[in-house]
Amino acid sequence: MEKQVSDDVLAQTFAQWLKLPHVRLASVSIEPEAIQAITEELARKYTCLPLKVEDTSLLLAMANLWDYRVIQDVPFASSLIVRPVVASRTKVLDGIEAHSATAGRVQAFVGHVPDTTDFRVLTPDGEELDIYLIWSETELF
C-alpha cells in the first residue's frame, strides 16, 4: 500500500531538514512592493513568491531550494538579497496566480482610463467631492 504525503507536509519536512523557516502562505500578508520586485515570468520560472521587502533583502517563498539559479537570478533582477523560506509548491503557484490575476485586472482597468488631469470624485450618491478640500483637512503627521 502506497502512502501519499501532502504538499504542505513535504514542505514542512524539507524546511526542518534544511533548517530554514517554513511559511504557510495562507496566513501571510504579501506586500505589493515585494510582488513588484520580480516579474511574474521569473516567479513562474523558479516557482517562487516574493513576500516582503526589508531594507535590502527580499523574503522569498520557494518550493525548490536546491535550484541555485534562483539565488543568482532573483537578486540580479531585484537588486535585493534573497532570504529564502520554504513553502509548498501548490501554495506558491496559487499565490503567483492570484497576484498576477490581480495585476492583470489593474493593468486592464488603467489601460482604459484616459490620461487627463480633469477628473471628478463622486460619492455613491453621485455628489461631487472636493478632493483638494479633503486633502487640505487631512493630517499628514
N, C-alpha and C. Protein backbone atom coordinates (compact mmCIF):
# COMPACT_ATOMS: atom_id res chain seq x y z
N MET A 1 0.84 -1.19 0.00
CA MET A 1 0.00 0.00 0.00
C MET A 1 0.88 1.25 0.00
N GLU A 2 0.61 2.16 -0.90
CA GLU A 2 1.41 3.37 -1.06
C GLU A 2 0.78 4.52 -0.28
N LYS A 3 1.61 5.22 0.47
CA LYS A 3 1.12 6.39 1.23
C LYS A 3 1.42 7.65 0.44
N GLN A 4 0.46 8.55 0.45
CA GLN A 4 0.64 9.85 -0.19
C GLN A 4 0.94 10.89 0.88
N VAL A 5 1.89 11.76 0.60
CA VAL A 5 2.25 12.83 1.52
C VAL A 5 1.77 14.14 0.91
N SER A 6 1.12 14.96 1.72
CA SER A 6 0.61 16.23 1.20
C SER A 6 1.78 17.17 0.89
N ASP A 7 1.49 18.10 0.02
CA ASP A 7 2.46 19.12 -0.38
C ASP A 7 2.95 19.92 0.83
N ASP A 8 2.03 20.25 1.73
CA ASP A 8 2.39 21.03 2.92
C ASP A 8 3.29 20.25 3.87
N VAL A 9 2.99 18.97 4.07
CA VAL A 9 3.82 18.13 4.94
C VAL A 9 5.22 17.97 4.34
N LEU A 10 5.28 17.80 3.05
CA LEU A 10 6.56 17.68 2.37
C LEU A 10 7.38 18.97 2.54
N ALA A 11 6.74 20.11 2.38
CA ALA A 11 7.43 21.40 2.53
C ALA A 11 7.93 21.59 3.97
N GLN A 12 7.08 21.22 4.94
CA GLN A 12 7.49 21.34 6.35
C GLN A 12 8.69 20.46 6.65
N THR A 13 8.66 19.24 6.18
CA THR A 13 9.76 18.30 6.39
C THR A 13 11.04 18.81 5.73
N PHE A 14 10.90 19.30 4.54
CA PHE A 14 12.03 19.86 3.80
C PHE A 14 12.64 21.04 4.57
N ALA A 15 11.79 21.91 5.10
CA ALA A 15 12.26 23.07 5.87
C ALA A 15 13.01 22.63 7.12
N GLN A 16 12.49 21.64 7.83
CA GLN A 16 13.16 21.14 9.04
C GLN A 16 14.52 20.55 8.68
N TRP A 17 14.56 19.79 7.62
CA TRP A 17 15.79 19.16 7.19
C TRP A 17 16.86 20.19 6.82
N LEU A 18 16.43 21.26 6.14
CA LEU A 18 17.37 22.31 5.73
C LEU A 18 17.62 23.37 6.80
N LYS A 19 16.86 23.26 7.90
CA LYS A 19 16.94 24.24 8.99
C LYS A 19 16.63 25.65 8.50
N LEU A 20 15.56 25.73 7.71
CA LEU A 20 15.07 27.01 7.20
C LEU A 20 13.62 27.19 7.65
N PRO A 21 13.18 28.44 7.72
CA PRO A 21 11.79 28.67 8.12
C PRO A 21 10.81 28.13 7.07
N HIS A 22 9.69 27.63 7.56
CA HIS A 22 8.58 27.19 6.71
C HIS A 22 7.47 28.22 6.86
N VAL A 23 6.83 28.55 5.77
CA VAL A 23 5.75 29.54 5.83
C VAL A 23 4.49 28.96 5.21
N ARG A 24 3.37 29.19 5.88
CA ARG A 24 2.06 28.84 5.33
C ARG A 24 1.54 30.10 4.65
N LEU A 25 1.50 30.08 3.35
CA LEU A 25 1.17 31.29 2.59
C LEU A 25 -0.23 31.82 2.86
N ALA A 26 -1.13 30.94 3.28
CA ALA A 26 -2.50 31.38 3.58
C ALA A 26 -2.53 32.33 4.78
N SER A 27 -1.53 32.27 5.63
CA SER A 27 -1.51 33.11 6.83
C SER A 27 -0.57 34.30 6.71
N VAL A 28 -0.07 34.55 5.52
CA VAL A 28 0.90 35.62 5.31
C VAL A 28 0.28 36.74 4.48
N SER A 29 0.57 37.95 4.87
CA SER A 29 0.16 39.11 4.08
C SER A 29 1.31 39.47 3.14
N ILE A 30 1.04 39.41 1.85
CA ILE A 30 2.08 39.65 0.86
C ILE A 30 2.09 41.14 0.50
N GLU A 31 3.25 41.74 0.61
CA GLU A 31 3.39 43.18 0.35
C GLU A 31 3.42 43.47 -1.15
N PRO A 32 2.68 44.50 -1.59
CA PRO A 32 2.71 44.89 -3.00
C PRO A 32 4.11 45.22 -3.49
N GLU A 33 4.91 45.85 -2.64
CA GLU A 33 6.29 46.19 -3.01
C GLU A 33 7.09 44.93 -3.33
N ALA A 34 6.83 43.87 -2.58
CA ALA A 34 7.55 42.61 -2.80
C ALA A 34 7.13 41.99 -4.14
N ILE A 35 5.84 41.99 -4.41
CA ILE A 35 5.34 41.42 -5.66
C ILE A 35 5.96 42.12 -6.86
N GLN A 36 6.18 43.42 -6.74
CA GLN A 36 6.76 44.19 -7.84
C GLN A 36 8.26 44.02 -7.96
N ALA A 37 8.88 43.35 -7.00
CA ALA A 37 10.34 43.20 -7.01
C ALA A 37 10.84 42.30 -8.14
N ILE A 38 10.01 41.31 -8.53
CA ILE A 38 10.39 40.43 -9.63
C ILE A 38 9.22 40.28 -10.59
N THR A 39 9.52 39.85 -11.79
CA THR A 39 8.46 39.68 -12.80
C THR A 39 7.69 38.39 -12.54
N GLU A 40 6.48 38.36 -13.07
CA GLU A 40 5.67 37.14 -12.99
C GLU A 40 6.40 35.99 -13.69
N GLU A 41 7.05 36.30 -14.79
CA GLU A 41 7.79 35.28 -15.55
C GLU A 41 8.87 34.63 -14.69
N LEU A 42 9.60 35.44 -13.95
CA LEU A 42 10.66 34.92 -13.07
C LEU A 42 10.05 34.09 -11.93
N ALA A 43 8.97 34.58 -11.37
CA ALA A 43 8.30 33.84 -10.28
C ALA A 43 7.83 32.47 -10.76
N ARG A 44 7.25 32.42 -11.95
CA ARG A 44 6.78 31.14 -12.51
C ARG A 44 7.96 30.23 -12.87
N LYS A 45 9.01 30.81 -13.44
CA LYS A 45 10.17 30.02 -13.85
C LYS A 45 10.78 29.27 -12.67
N TYR A 46 10.86 29.93 -11.52
CA TYR A 46 11.51 29.34 -10.35
C TYR A 46 10.54 28.90 -9.26
N THR A 47 9.26 29.00 -9.51
CA THR A 47 8.23 28.65 -8.51
C THR A 47 8.57 29.29 -7.18
N CYS A 48 8.62 30.62 -7.22
CA CYS A 48 8.91 31.39 -6.01
C CYS A 48 7.95 32.57 -5.92
N LEU A 49 7.70 33.03 -4.71
CA LEU A 49 6.77 34.12 -4.48
C LEU A 49 7.38 35.11 -3.51
N PRO A 50 7.61 36.34 -3.96
CA PRO A 50 8.16 37.35 -3.05
C PRO A 50 7.10 37.75 -2.02
N LEU A 51 7.51 37.82 -0.76
CA LEU A 51 6.56 38.09 0.32
C LEU A 51 6.73 39.48 0.93
N LYS A 52 7.98 39.86 1.14
CA LYS A 52 8.23 41.11 1.88
C LYS A 52 9.60 41.66 1.54
N VAL A 53 9.68 42.98 1.45
CA VAL A 53 10.96 43.66 1.27
C VAL A 53 11.33 44.30 2.61
N GLU A 54 12.52 43.99 3.09
CA GLU A 54 13.04 44.58 4.32
C GLU A 54 14.42 45.14 4.04
N ASP A 55 14.51 46.46 4.04
CA ASP A 55 15.76 47.14 3.72
C ASP A 55 16.29 46.68 2.36
N THR A 56 17.38 45.91 2.37
CA THR A 56 17.98 45.47 1.11
C THR A 56 17.73 43.99 0.84
N SER A 57 16.78 43.39 1.56
CA SER A 57 16.53 41.97 1.36
C SER A 57 15.08 41.69 0.97
N LEU A 58 14.92 40.55 0.30
CA LEU A 58 13.62 40.11 -0.18
C LEU A 58 13.31 38.75 0.44
N LEU A 59 12.24 38.68 1.21
CA LEU A 59 11.78 37.42 1.76
C LEU A 59 11.07 36.67 0.64
N LEU A 60 11.59 35.52 0.28
CA LEU A 60 11.14 34.81 -0.91
C LEU A 60 10.69 33.39 -0.55
N ALA A 61 9.40 33.12 -0.75
CA ALA A 61 8.88 31.76 -0.54
C ALA A 61 9.27 30.93 -1.75
N MET A 62 9.89 29.78 -1.48
CA MET A 62 10.40 28.94 -2.56
C MET A 62 9.94 27.50 -2.36
N ALA A 63 9.63 26.85 -3.47
CA ALA A 63 9.26 25.44 -3.41
C ALA A 63 10.48 24.55 -3.60
N ASN A 64 11.48 25.03 -4.33
CA ASN A 64 12.67 24.23 -4.60
C ASN A 64 13.92 25.02 -4.21
N LEU A 65 14.38 24.77 -3.01
CA LEU A 65 15.56 25.50 -2.54
C LEU A 65 16.86 24.96 -3.09
N TRP A 66 16.80 23.85 -3.82
CA TRP A 66 18.00 23.30 -4.43
C TRP A 66 18.37 24.01 -5.73
N ASP A 67 17.44 24.81 -6.25
CA ASP A 67 17.68 25.49 -7.52
C ASP A 67 18.52 26.75 -7.26
N TYR A 68 19.82 26.60 -7.39
CA TYR A 68 20.74 27.70 -7.09
C TYR A 68 20.58 28.89 -8.03
N ARG A 69 19.97 28.65 -9.21
CA ARG A 69 19.78 29.74 -10.17
C ARG A 69 18.88 30.83 -9.59
N VAL A 70 17.96 30.44 -8.73
CA VAL A 70 17.07 31.42 -8.08
C VAL A 70 17.91 32.41 -7.28
N ILE A 71 18.83 31.87 -6.52
CA ILE A 71 19.67 32.70 -5.65
C ILE A 71 20.59 33.60 -6.47
N GLN A 72 20.79 33.27 -7.74
CA GLN A 72 21.59 34.12 -8.63
C GLN A 72 20.70 35.12 -9.38
N ASP A 73 19.62 34.63 -9.97
CA ASP A 73 18.79 35.45 -10.86
C ASP A 73 17.90 36.46 -10.14
N VAL A 74 17.30 36.05 -9.03
CA VAL A 74 16.39 36.96 -8.33
C VAL A 74 17.13 38.18 -7.78
N PRO A 75 18.27 38.02 -7.12
CA PRO A 75 18.99 39.22 -6.67
C PRO A 75 19.41 40.12 -7.84
N PHE A 76 19.78 39.52 -8.94
CA PHE A 76 20.18 40.30 -10.11
C PHE A 76 18.98 41.10 -10.64
N ALA A 77 17.81 40.48 -10.71
CA ALA A 77 16.62 41.13 -11.24
C ALA A 77 16.03 42.16 -10.27
N SER A 78 16.15 41.91 -8.99
CA SER A 78 15.50 42.77 -7.99
C SER A 78 16.43 43.75 -7.29
N SER A 79 17.73 43.53 -7.42
CA SER A 79 18.74 44.30 -6.67
C SER A 79 18.57 44.14 -5.16
N LEU A 80 18.05 42.98 -4.75
CA LEU A 80 17.84 42.69 -3.34
C LEU A 80 18.48 41.35 -2.99
N ILE A 81 18.89 41.20 -1.74
CA ILE A 81 19.44 39.95 -1.25
C ILE A 81 18.28 39.02 -0.92
N VAL A 82 18.34 37.79 -1.37
CA VAL A 82 17.25 36.84 -1.15
C VAL A 82 17.40 36.17 0.22
N ARG A 83 16.30 36.19 0.97
CA ARG A 83 16.19 35.43 2.22
C ARG A 83 15.12 34.37 1.98
N PRO A 84 15.52 33.13 1.71
CA PRO A 84 14.54 32.10 1.36
C PRO A 84 13.78 31.54 2.55
N VAL A 85 12.51 31.22 2.30
CA VAL A 85 11.70 30.45 3.22
C VAL A 85 11.04 29.35 2.39
N VAL A 86 10.72 28.25 3.03
CA VAL A 86 10.14 27.11 2.34
C VAL A 86 8.62 27.20 2.35
N ALA A 87 8.01 26.92 1.21
CA ALA A 87 6.56 26.87 1.10
C ALA A 87 6.19 25.74 0.14
N SER A 88 4.97 25.29 0.23
CA SER A 88 4.56 24.20 -0.67
C SER A 88 4.44 24.71 -2.09
N ARG A 89 4.76 23.85 -3.02
CA ARG A 89 4.74 24.20 -4.44
C ARG A 89 3.34 24.66 -4.87
N THR A 90 2.34 23.93 -4.43
CA THR A 90 0.96 24.27 -4.79
C THR A 90 0.58 25.65 -4.30
N LYS A 91 0.93 25.97 -3.07
CA LYS A 91 0.58 27.28 -2.50
C LYS A 91 1.35 28.41 -3.18
N VAL A 92 2.61 28.16 -3.53
CA VAL A 92 3.39 29.17 -4.24
C VAL A 92 2.74 29.45 -5.60
N LEU A 93 2.39 28.40 -6.32
CA LEU A 93 1.75 28.58 -7.63
C LEU A 93 0.40 29.28 -7.50
N ASP A 94 -0.37 28.93 -6.46
CA ASP A 94 -1.65 29.62 -6.21
C ASP A 94 -1.42 31.11 -5.95
N GLY A 95 -0.39 31.42 -5.17
CA GLY A 95 -0.08 32.81 -4.86
C GLY A 95 0.35 33.60 -6.09
N ILE A 96 1.15 32.98 -6.93
CA ILE A 96 1.57 33.63 -8.17
C ILE A 96 0.35 33.92 -9.03
N GLU A 97 -0.51 32.93 -9.15
CA GLU A 97 -1.72 33.07 -9.96
C GLU A 97 -2.62 34.19 -9.42
N ALA A 98 -2.82 34.21 -8.12
CA ALA A 98 -3.69 35.22 -7.51
C ALA A 98 -3.15 36.62 -7.73
N HIS A 99 -1.85 36.79 -7.54
CA HIS A 99 -1.28 38.13 -7.66
C HIS A 99 -1.11 38.57 -9.11
N SER A 100 -0.87 37.64 -10.00
CA SER A 100 -0.75 38.02 -11.41
C SER A 100 -2.13 38.34 -11.98
N ALA A 101 -3.17 37.64 -11.53
CA ALA A 101 -4.52 37.93 -11.98
C ALA A 101 -4.94 39.32 -11.52
N THR A 102 -4.60 39.67 -10.28
CA THR A 102 -4.93 41.00 -9.75
C THR A 102 -4.19 42.07 -10.54
N ALA A 103 -2.92 41.86 -10.78
CA ALA A 103 -2.13 42.84 -11.53
C ALA A 103 -2.68 42.99 -12.95
N GLY A 104 -3.09 41.88 -13.55
CA GLY A 104 -3.65 41.93 -14.89
C GLY A 104 -4.95 42.72 -14.94
N ARG A 105 -5.79 42.55 -13.93
CA ARG A 105 -7.06 43.31 -13.88
C ARG A 105 -6.79 44.80 -13.70
N VAL A 106 -5.83 45.12 -12.84
CA VAL A 106 -5.49 46.53 -12.62
C VAL A 106 -4.95 47.15 -13.90
N GLN A 107 -4.04 46.43 -14.58
CA GLN A 107 -3.47 46.93 -15.84
C GLN A 107 -4.56 47.13 -16.89
N ALA A 108 -5.49 46.18 -16.98
CA ALA A 108 -6.58 46.30 -17.95
C ALA A 108 -7.44 47.51 -17.65
N PHE A 109 -7.72 47.73 -16.36
CA PHE A 109 -8.54 48.88 -15.97
C PHE A 109 -7.81 50.19 -16.27
N VAL A 110 -6.57 50.28 -15.83
CA VAL A 110 -5.79 51.51 -16.02
C VAL A 110 -5.58 51.78 -17.50
N GLY A 111 -5.45 50.74 -18.29
CA GLY A 111 -5.27 50.92 -19.73
C GLY A 111 -6.46 51.58 -20.41
N HIS A 112 -7.63 51.50 -19.78
CA HIS A 112 -8.83 52.12 -20.35
C HIS A 112 -9.13 53.50 -19.78
N VAL A 113 -8.33 53.92 -18.80
CA VAL A 113 -8.53 55.24 -18.21
C VAL A 113 -7.77 56.27 -19.03
N PRO A 114 -8.48 57.29 -19.53
CA PRO A 114 -7.78 58.30 -20.33
C PRO A 114 -6.80 59.11 -19.47
N ASP A 115 -5.73 59.54 -20.09
CA ASP A 115 -4.73 60.35 -19.42
C ASP A 115 -5.25 61.78 -19.35
N THR A 116 -5.70 62.18 -18.18
CA THR A 116 -6.27 63.51 -18.02
C THR A 116 -6.00 64.04 -16.63
N THR A 117 -5.98 65.34 -16.52
CA THR A 117 -5.84 65.97 -15.21
C THR A 117 -7.18 66.51 -14.74
N ASP A 118 -8.19 66.46 -15.60
CA ASP A 118 -9.52 66.95 -15.27
C ASP A 118 -10.43 65.77 -14.95
N PHE A 119 -10.56 65.49 -13.66
CA PHE A 119 -11.44 64.39 -13.27
C PHE A 119 -12.19 64.79 -12.00
N ARG A 120 -13.26 64.04 -11.72
CA ARG A 120 -14.08 64.32 -10.55
C ARG A 120 -14.20 63.06 -9.70
N VAL A 121 -14.31 63.27 -8.39
CA VAL A 121 -14.54 62.18 -7.47
C VAL A 121 -15.97 62.31 -6.98
N LEU A 122 -16.75 61.21 -7.14
CA LEU A 122 -18.16 61.23 -6.78
C LEU A 122 -18.42 60.33 -5.59
N THR A 123 -19.39 60.72 -4.77
CA THR A 123 -19.85 59.87 -3.68
C THR A 123 -20.76 58.80 -4.28
N PRO A 124 -21.11 57.79 -3.51
CA PRO A 124 -22.06 56.79 -4.02
C PRO A 124 -23.40 57.40 -4.42
N ASP A 125 -23.74 58.57 -3.84
CA ASP A 125 -24.99 59.26 -4.19
C ASP A 125 -24.86 60.11 -5.44
N GLY A 126 -23.65 60.19 -5.99
CA GLY A 126 -23.44 60.97 -7.21
C GLY A 126 -23.03 62.41 -6.97
N GLU A 127 -22.83 62.79 -5.71
CA GLU A 127 -22.39 64.15 -5.40
C GLU A 127 -20.89 64.27 -5.61
N GLU A 128 -20.47 65.42 -6.11
CA GLU A 128 -19.04 65.63 -6.36
C GLU A 128 -18.34 66.02 -5.07
N LEU A 129 -17.19 65.39 -4.83
CA LEU A 129 -16.37 65.70 -3.66
C LEU A 129 -15.25 66.65 -4.06
N ASP A 130 -14.93 67.56 -3.17
CA ASP A 130 -13.81 68.46 -3.40
C ASP A 130 -12.57 67.80 -2.80
N ILE A 131 -11.79 67.10 -3.64
CA ILE A 131 -10.65 66.36 -3.12
C ILE A 131 -9.57 67.27 -2.56
N TYR A 132 -9.48 68.48 -3.06
CA TYR A 132 -8.47 69.41 -2.54
C TYR A 132 -8.82 69.83 -1.12
N LEU A 133 -10.12 70.01 -0.84
CA LEU A 133 -10.57 70.36 0.50
C LEU A 133 -10.31 69.19 1.44
N ILE A 134 -10.62 68.00 1.02
CA ILE A 134 -10.39 66.80 1.84
C ILE A 134 -8.91 66.64 2.12
N TRP A 135 -8.08 66.83 1.09
CA TRP A 135 -6.64 66.68 1.25
C TRP A 135 -6.08 67.72 2.21
N SER A 136 -6.55 68.97 2.12
CA SER A 136 -6.03 70.04 2.96
C SER A 136 -6.45 69.84 4.43
N GLU A 137 -7.55 69.14 4.67
CA GLU A 137 -8.02 68.89 6.03
C GLU A 137 -7.42 67.64 6.64
N THR A 138 -6.71 66.87 5.85
CA THR A 138 -6.13 65.62 6.34
C THR A 138 -4.82 65.90 7.05
N GLU A 139 -4.70 65.34 8.24
CA GLU A 139 -3.45 65.49 8.99
C GLU A 139 -2.44 64.48 8.46
N LEU A 140 -1.32 64.97 8.04
CA LEU A 140 -0.29 64.10 7.48
C LEU A 140 0.62 63.52 8.57
N PHE A 141 0.77 64.24 9.66
CA PHE A 141 1.65 63.76 10.74
C PHE A 141 0.94 63.82 12.06
